[in-house]
Amino acid sequence: MTPDHQHATIAIAAMKKGKHVVMHKPIANRLYEARQVLETARTAKVATHFIPWDSNGSMDLVMAWIKDGAIGTLREVHNWTNRPVWPQYLTLPADQPPVPQGFDWDLWLGPALDRPYHPNYTHNVFRGWYDFGGGSIADMGHYSLWVVFRTLKLGAPVSVEARPSGACVIVDHVSHKIRNDYSFPLASTIRFKFAAREDMGSLDLYWYDGGMRPRTPEELEVDNKELEAEGMMFVGDKGKILTGALPSQRIKQRTWRWCGGVVSAATITGQHNGGRTVVLLNSVAKAQDLYLDLERNYAGEQNAPRLLLLHARYYLNPAHSTT
């Protein structure tokens, strides 16, 4: 596996030699390097392909709901991941083990600053270090947020606010906070603020990693449910849309029980008997009727609707059914 910090250097060198380039994420480990890669691609006149760009699914159904006013005006997008799934070291290695036989450490370092070899840097662990990787958001944000940025026409944020976790160490029986200038935190939340664009209002995008998640929506708390380890939620001033890790993915829990009881021309899609099943919620649909219809179509199968529309006023829990 080529570590993130090598992507830009290798891609630019190849394109300048007239070589076609297929690259995985991220394009680079620094914003300046990413811009250099894109500029080189524009001028080199070679074929390029960014592997994860077409693996993000579609936001068409989500946008159809939003444009139809199902959740009112979109105000926030929340995206959370179960990353990191690698050790996240908070201090630099103190020992210096020998370089494994056959491993070219200088080649692996490439454009990075020279330092002694240590296995805490290599393999999948490189993602956690500033010099070698982009952390959890560079690992998974390409997949989940690519289509969000394109569909919602998001450019550069107005501001970014990060809230990382901290850690302490005991030295001589005294606790000291670790000053970490080398690696990504064990967990973090990040808020990106975007100004209004074209026909869309201002928007806040929230990223969570290391087990952090948004506050559980009250629509899930009704039945003592919680958010899954990975997911995405679109929040409007009148409701919410909850999906899997990508905007096109269904959620694993059968939380579609709480889908809004009165929604104008909204649709839920899923896989049923190898074909496409579409359930139309008419403007006069009753929550209890919808509950029974979904039970009949999806009971006992792994094909629950791919998206969940959460409405603050309507619940499919029998105790909160509408009339």
Protein backbone atom coordinates (compact mmCIF):
# COMPACT_ATOMS: atom_id res chain seq x y z
CA MET A 1 0.00 0.00 0.00
CA THR A 2 1.40 3.38 -1.02
CA PRO A 3 1.09 5.76 1.96
CA ASP A 4 -0.90 8.95 1.49
CA HIS A 5 2.11 11.26 1.58
CA GLN A 6 3.50 9.62 -1.60
CA HIS A 7 0.37 9.99 -3.76
CA ALA A 8 1.00 13.50 -5.06
CA THR A 9 4.74 13.03 -5.69
CA ILE A 10 4.27 9.83 -7.67
CA ALA A 11 1.26 11.11 -9.63
CA ILE A 12 2.93 14.37 -10.65
CA ALA A 13 6.15 12.62 -11.68
CA ALA A 14 4.22 10.09 -13.77
CA MET A 15 2.07 12.69 -15.54
CA LYS A 16 5.11 14.84 -16.36
CA LYS A 17 6.57 11.79 -18.09
CA GLY A 18 3.38 11.35 -20.10
CA LYS A 19 2.12 8.37 -18.09
CA HIS A 20 -1.56 7.77 -17.48
CA VAL A 21 -2.47 7.79 -13.78
CA VAL A 22 -4.99 5.81 -11.74
CA MET A 23 -4.98 6.99 -8.14
CA HIS A 24 -6.75 6.02 -4.96
CA LYS A 25 -7.68 8.50 -2.25
CA PRO A 26 -6.45 10.89 -1.13
CA ILE A 27 -5.08 12.89 -4.04
CA ALA A 28 -2.47 14.33 -1.72
CA ASN A 29 -1.62 14.75 1.94
CA ARG A 30 -1.50 18.55 1.74
CA LEU A 31 -3.89 21.03 0.12
CA TYR A 32 -1.09 22.67 -1.87
CA GLU A 33 0.03 19.29 -3.20
CA ALA A 34 -3.55 18.43 -4.21
CA ARG A 35 -3.79 21.64 -6.23
CA GLN A 36 -0.47 20.81 -7.91
CA VAL A 37 -1.79 17.36 -8.86
CA LEU A 38 -4.94 18.85 -10.39
CA GLU A 39 -3.03 21.51 -12.29
CA THR A 40 -0.58 18.94 -13.64
CA ALA A 41 -3.49 16.74 -14.75
CA ARG A 42 -5.02 19.66 -16.66
CA THR A 43 -1.83 20.45 -18.54
CA ALA A 44 -0.24 17.01 -19.03
CA LYS A 45 -2.97 15.78 -21.42
CA VAL A 46 -2.87 12.22 -20.11
CA ALA A 47 -5.71 9.99 -18.95
CA THR A 48 -6.40 10.09 -15.21
CA HIS A 49 -8.84 8.26 -12.97
CA PHE A 50 -9.62 8.79 -9.30
CA ILE A 51 -10.80 5.42 -8.02
CA PRO A 52 -13.28 6.41 -5.29
CA TRP A 53 -15.11 9.08 -7.28
CA ASP A 54 -17.72 6.67 -8.67
CA SER A 55 -18.25 4.55 -5.54
CA ASN A 56 -20.31 7.09 -3.65
CA GLY A 57 -23.79 6.20 -4.89
CA SER A 58 -26.43 8.81 -5.55
CA MET A 59 -28.16 11.50 -3.54
CA ASP A 60 -31.07 11.73 -5.96
CA LEU A 61 -33.68 10.39 -3.55
CA VAL A 62 -32.42 12.50 -0.66
CA MET A 63 -32.49 15.62 -2.84
CA ALA A 64 -35.96 14.76 -4.12
CA TRP A 65 -37.21 14.72 -0.53
CA ILE A 66 -35.39 17.95 0.31
CA LYS A 67 -36.67 19.78 -2.78
CA ASP A 68 -40.19 18.52 -2.06
CA GLY A 69 -39.97 20.21 1.33
CA ALA A 70 -40.18 17.00 3.34
CA ILE A 71 -37.73 18.29 5.98
CA GLY A 72 -38.12 21.99 5.33
CA THR A 73 -35.02 24.05 4.68
CA LEU A 74 -31.81 22.02 4.90
CA ARG A 75 -29.68 23.43 7.71
CA GLU A 76 -27.15 20.74 8.69
CA VAL A 77 -25.45 17.60 7.37
CA HIS A 78 -23.93 15.17 9.89
CA ASN A 79 -21.52 12.40 8.88
CA TRP A 80 -19.89 9.98 11.33
CA THR A 81 -17.52 7.04 10.93
CA ASN A 82 -16.19 4.18 13.05
CA ARG A 83 -12.62 5.13 12.07
CA PRO A 84 -9.87 5.02 13.16
CA VAL A 85 -9.54 1.25 12.90
CA TRP A 86 -5.78 1.42 13.42
CA PRO A 87 -3.64 2.24 16.49
CA GLN A 88 -3.56 5.99 17.03
CA TYR A 89 -0.23 6.85 18.66
CA LEU A 90 -0.13 10.14 20.54
CA THR A 91 3.66 10.41 20.98
CA LEU A 92 6.66 9.79 18.78
CA PRO A 93 8.43 6.42 19.13
CA ALA A 94 11.33 6.49 21.58
CA ASP A 95 13.09 3.27 20.53
CA GLN A 96 14.83 2.57 17.23
CA PRO A 97 14.30 -1.02 16.02
CA PRO A 98 16.27 -2.20 12.98
CA VAL A 99 14.85 -1.75 9.50
CA PRO A 100 13.37 -5.09 8.29
CA GLN A 101 15.45 -6.90 5.72
CA GLY A 102 14.46 -5.98 2.18
CA PHE A 103 12.56 -2.86 3.22
CA ASP A 104 13.79 0.41 1.66
CA TRP A 105 13.00 2.90 4.43
CA ASP A 106 14.34 5.91 2.50
CA LEU A 107 12.11 5.04 -0.47
CA TRP A 108 9.08 4.72 1.82
CA LEU A 109 9.80 8.12 3.39
CA GLY A 110 9.95 9.76 -0.03
CA PRO A 111 9.33 13.51 0.34
CA ALA A 112 8.77 13.35 4.12
CA LEU A 113 11.33 14.59 6.62
CA ASP A 114 14.01 12.07 7.56
CA ARG A 115 13.53 10.12 10.80
CA PRO A 116 14.48 6.69 12.18
CA TYR A 117 12.44 3.72 11.03
CA HIS A 118 9.70 2.43 13.31
CA PRO A 119 6.85 -0.01 12.64
CA ASN A 120 4.43 2.45 14.26
CA TYR A 121 4.67 4.49 11.06
CA THR A 122 4.16 1.84 8.41
CA HIS A 123 1.37 -0.38 7.11
CA ASN A 124 -2.13 0.94 7.79
CA VAL A 125 -0.89 2.95 10.78
CA PHE A 126 0.52 5.68 8.52
CA ARG A 127 -2.99 7.19 8.23
CA GLY A 128 -2.81 8.45 11.80
CA TRP A 129 0.33 10.61 11.40
CA TYR A 130 0.24 14.17 10.04
CA ASP A 131 3.32 13.58 7.90
CA PHE A 132 2.09 10.36 6.31
CA GLY A 133 -1.72 10.38 6.25
CA GLY A 134 -4.90 12.39 6.47
CA GLY A 135 -6.58 10.69 9.39
CA SER A 136 -10.10 9.31 9.44
CA ILE A 137 -11.64 11.99 7.26
CA ALA A 138 -9.13 11.40 4.46
CA ASP A 139 -9.75 7.67 4.77
CA MET A 140 -13.57 7.69 4.64
CA GLY A 141 -14.68 11.24 3.91
CA HIS A 142 -13.87 10.79 0.22
CA TYR A 143 -16.54 8.11 0.00
CA SER A 144 -19.29 9.72 2.03
CA LEU A 145 -18.83 13.44 1.37
CA TRP A 146 -17.87 13.50 -2.31
CA VAL A 147 -21.47 13.26 -3.52
CA VAL A 148 -22.62 15.63 -0.77
CA PHE A 149 -20.22 18.35 -1.88
CA ARG A 150 -21.15 17.92 -5.54
CA THR A 151 -24.90 17.74 -5.04
CA LEU A 152 -25.12 20.58 -2.54
CA LYS A 153 -22.64 22.69 -4.53
CA LEU A 154 -20.29 23.16 -1.60
CA GLY A 155 -17.07 25.04 -2.23
CA ALA A 156 -14.57 26.29 0.31
CA PRO A 157 -16.02 26.66 3.82
CA VAL A 158 -16.33 30.06 5.46
CA SER A 159 -14.81 28.63 8.64
CA VAL A 160 -13.78 25.31 10.17
CA GLU A 161 -13.94 24.48 13.88
CA ALA A 162 -12.29 21.30 15.21
CA ARG A 163 -12.82 19.79 18.65
CA PRO A 164 -10.28 16.99 19.19
CA SER A 165 -10.05 14.62 22.12
CA GLY A 166 -7.18 14.93 24.58
CA ALA A 167 -5.04 12.46 26.51
CA CYS A 168 -2.85 12.43 29.60
CA VAL A 169 0.18 10.51 30.84
CA ILE A 170 1.41 9.86 34.39
CA VAL A 171 4.98 11.06 35.08
CA ASP A 172 6.37 10.73 38.60
CA HIS A 173 2.87 10.16 39.95
CA VAL A 174 1.60 13.37 38.34
CA SER A 175 -0.83 13.55 35.44
CA HIS A 176 0.30 15.65 32.48
CA LYS A 177 -1.65 16.48 29.35
CA ILE A 178 0.05 15.15 26.22
CA ARG A 179 0.99 17.86 23.75
CA ASN A 180 0.47 16.12 20.44
CA ASP A 181 1.75 17.92 17.34
CA TYR A 182 2.39 14.77 15.35
CA SER A 183 -0.75 12.66 14.95
CA PHE A 184 -4.51 12.89 14.66
CA PRO A 185 -6.55 12.63 17.87
CA LEU A 186 -8.26 9.49 19.07
CA ALA A 187 -11.59 11.17 18.33
CA SER A 188 -12.83 14.49 17.00
CA THR A 189 -15.77 16.50 15.76
CA ILE A 190 -15.35 19.12 13.04
CA ARG A 191 -17.81 21.77 11.92
CA PHE A 192 -17.55 23.25 8.42
CA LYS A 193 -19.63 26.38 7.87
CA PHE A 194 -20.70 27.11 4.29
CA ALA A 195 -22.21 30.31 3.00
CA ALA A 196 -25.38 30.43 0.91
CA ARG A 197 -24.89 29.32 -2.68
CA GLU A 198 -27.13 29.88 -5.71
CA ASP A 199 -30.59 28.66 -4.69
CA MET A 200 -29.39 27.07 -1.42
CA GLY A 201 -29.08 28.65 2.00
CA SER A 202 -26.15 28.57 4.40
CA LEU A 203 -25.24 25.15 5.77
CA ASP A 204 -23.22 23.56 8.56
CA LEU A 205 -21.53 20.22 7.87
CA TYR A 206 -20.40 18.15 10.87
CA TRP A 207 -17.83 15.35 10.78
CA TYR A 208 -17.38 12.85 13.64
CA ASP A 209 -14.80 10.09 14.13
CA GLY A 210 -13.37 7.92 16.90
CA GLY A 211 -16.81 6.87 18.13
CA MET A 212 -18.25 10.37 18.23
CA ARG A 213 -21.76 10.74 16.83
CA PRO A 214 -24.50 13.38 16.74
CA ARG A 215 -27.08 13.50 19.48
CA THR A 216 -29.58 10.67 19.00
CA PRO A 217 -32.71 12.06 17.29
CA GLU A 218 -35.80 12.01 19.46
CA GLU A 219 -37.51 9.98 16.75
CA LEU A 220 -35.17 7.09 17.58
CA GLU A 221 -35.29 7.58 21.32
CA VAL A 222 -39.03 6.82 21.27
CA ASP A 223 -38.25 3.12 20.77
CA ASN A 224 -34.95 3.13 22.69
CA LYS A 225 -32.83 3.04 19.52
CA GLU A 226 -29.51 4.73 18.85
CA LEU A 227 -27.51 5.77 15.82
CA GLU A 228 -25.37 3.13 14.15
CA ALA A 229 -21.57 3.23 14.18
CA GLU A 230 -21.53 4.89 10.75
CA GLY A 231 -24.13 7.06 9.12
CA MET A 232 -25.28 10.34 7.69
CA MET A 233 -28.13 12.63 8.68
CA PHE A 234 -29.63 15.61 6.85
CA VAL A 235 -31.35 18.03 9.22
CA GLY A 236 -33.93 20.56 8.15
CA ASP A 237 -36.07 22.96 10.16
CA LYS A 238 -39.03 20.55 9.87
CA GLY A 239 -37.49 17.07 9.93
CA LYS A 240 -34.51 14.81 9.27
CA ILE A 241 -33.29 12.23 6.74
CA LEU A 242 -31.14 9.40 8.08
CA THR A 243 -29.07 7.16 5.79
CA GLY A 244 -26.22 4.68 6.03
CA ALA A 245 -22.56 5.68 5.77
CA LEU A 246 -23.23 6.90 2.20
CA PRO A 247 -26.26 8.97 1.18
CA SER A 248 -27.39 6.09 -1.05
CA GLN A 249 -27.13 3.34 1.56
CA ARG A 250 -30.00 1.96 3.57
CA ILE A 251 -29.70 1.81 7.32
CA LYS A 252 -29.22 -1.61 8.85
CA GLN A 253 -31.75 -1.25 11.65
CA ARG A 254 -35.44 -1.44 10.90
CA THR A 255 -35.83 2.13 12.03
CA TRP A 256 -38.11 2.83 9.08
CA ARG A 257 -40.87 2.14 11.59
CA TRP A 258 -40.72 5.86 12.42
CA CYS A 259 -41.16 7.20 8.90
CA GLY A 260 -43.37 10.27 8.71
CA GLY A 261 -47.08 9.56 8.61
CA VAL A 262 -48.08 12.52 6.43
CA VAL A 263 -45.61 13.30 3.67
CA SER A 264 -46.53 14.75 0.31
CA ALA A 265 -45.29 12.72 -2.67
CA ALA A 266 -42.31 11.22 -0.85
CA THR A 267 -41.05 7.74 -1.73
CA ILE A 268 -39.13 5.01 0.03
CA THR A 269 -37.25 2.53 -2.14
CA GLY A 270 -35.79 -0.85 -1.32
CA GLN A 271 -35.00 -4.25 -2.80
CA HIS A 272 -37.84 -6.79 -2.70
CA ASN A 273 -37.84 -10.25 -4.30
CA GLY A 274 -34.96 -9.29 -6.56
CA GLY A 275 -36.82 -6.28 -7.97
CA ARG A 276 -37.50 -2.67 -7.12
CA THR A 277 -40.13 -1.98 -4.52
CA VAL A 278 -41.52 1.52 -4.17
CA VAL A 279 -43.84 2.55 -1.35
CA LEU A 280 -45.62 5.83 -2.00
CA LEU A 281 -46.70 7.88 0.99
CA ASN A 282 -49.77 9.82 -0.06
CA SER A 283 -50.60 13.09 1.61
CA VAL A 284 -53.47 11.37 3.44
CA ALA A 285 -51.56 8.22 4.48
CA LYS A 286 -52.08 7.15 8.06
CA ALA A 287 -49.07 6.12 10.08
CA GLN A 288 -50.64 2.91 11.28
CA ASP A 289 -51.61 1.86 7.73
CA LEU A 290 -48.08 2.60 6.53
CA TYR A 291 -46.66 0.61 9.42
CA LEU A 292 -48.70 -2.45 8.45
CA ASP A 293 -47.87 -2.04 4.77
CA LEU A 294 -44.13 -1.94 5.46
CA GLU A 295 -44.41 -4.90 7.83
CA ARG A 296 -46.12 -6.90 5.08
CA ASN A 297 -43.58 -5.99 2.40
CA TYR A 298 -40.36 -6.18 4.38
CA ALA A 299 -40.96 -8.43 7.40
CA GLY A 300 -38.10 -10.83 8.07
CA GLU A 301 -36.03 -9.69 5.10
CA GLN A 302 -32.73 -7.83 4.79
CA ASN A 303 -34.21 -5.33 2.37
CA ALA A 304 -35.65 -2.57 4.49
CA PRO A 305 -36.02 0.82 2.75
CA ARG A 306 -32.68 2.35 1.95
CA LEU A 307 -33.44 5.70 3.51
CA LEU A 308 -35.34 6.86 6.52
CA LEU A 309 -37.36 10.03 6.63
CA LEU A 310 -37.71 11.23 10.19
CA HIS A 311 -40.57 13.61 10.83
CA ALA A 312 -40.83 15.30 14.18
CA ARG A 313 -44.62 15.02 14.35
CA TYR A 314 -45.36 11.51 13.13
CA TYR A 315 -44.25 8.11 14.40
CA LEU A 316 -44.96 4.55 13.39
CA ASN A 317 -44.64 3.35 16.93
CA PRO A 318 -48.23 2.23 17.73
CA ALA A 319 -48.18 4.44 20.80
CA HIS A 320 -47.65 7.48 18.58
CA SER A 321 -49.63 6.58 15.46
CA THR A 322 -51.68 9.28 13.83
CA THR A 323 -55.34 9.22 12.92
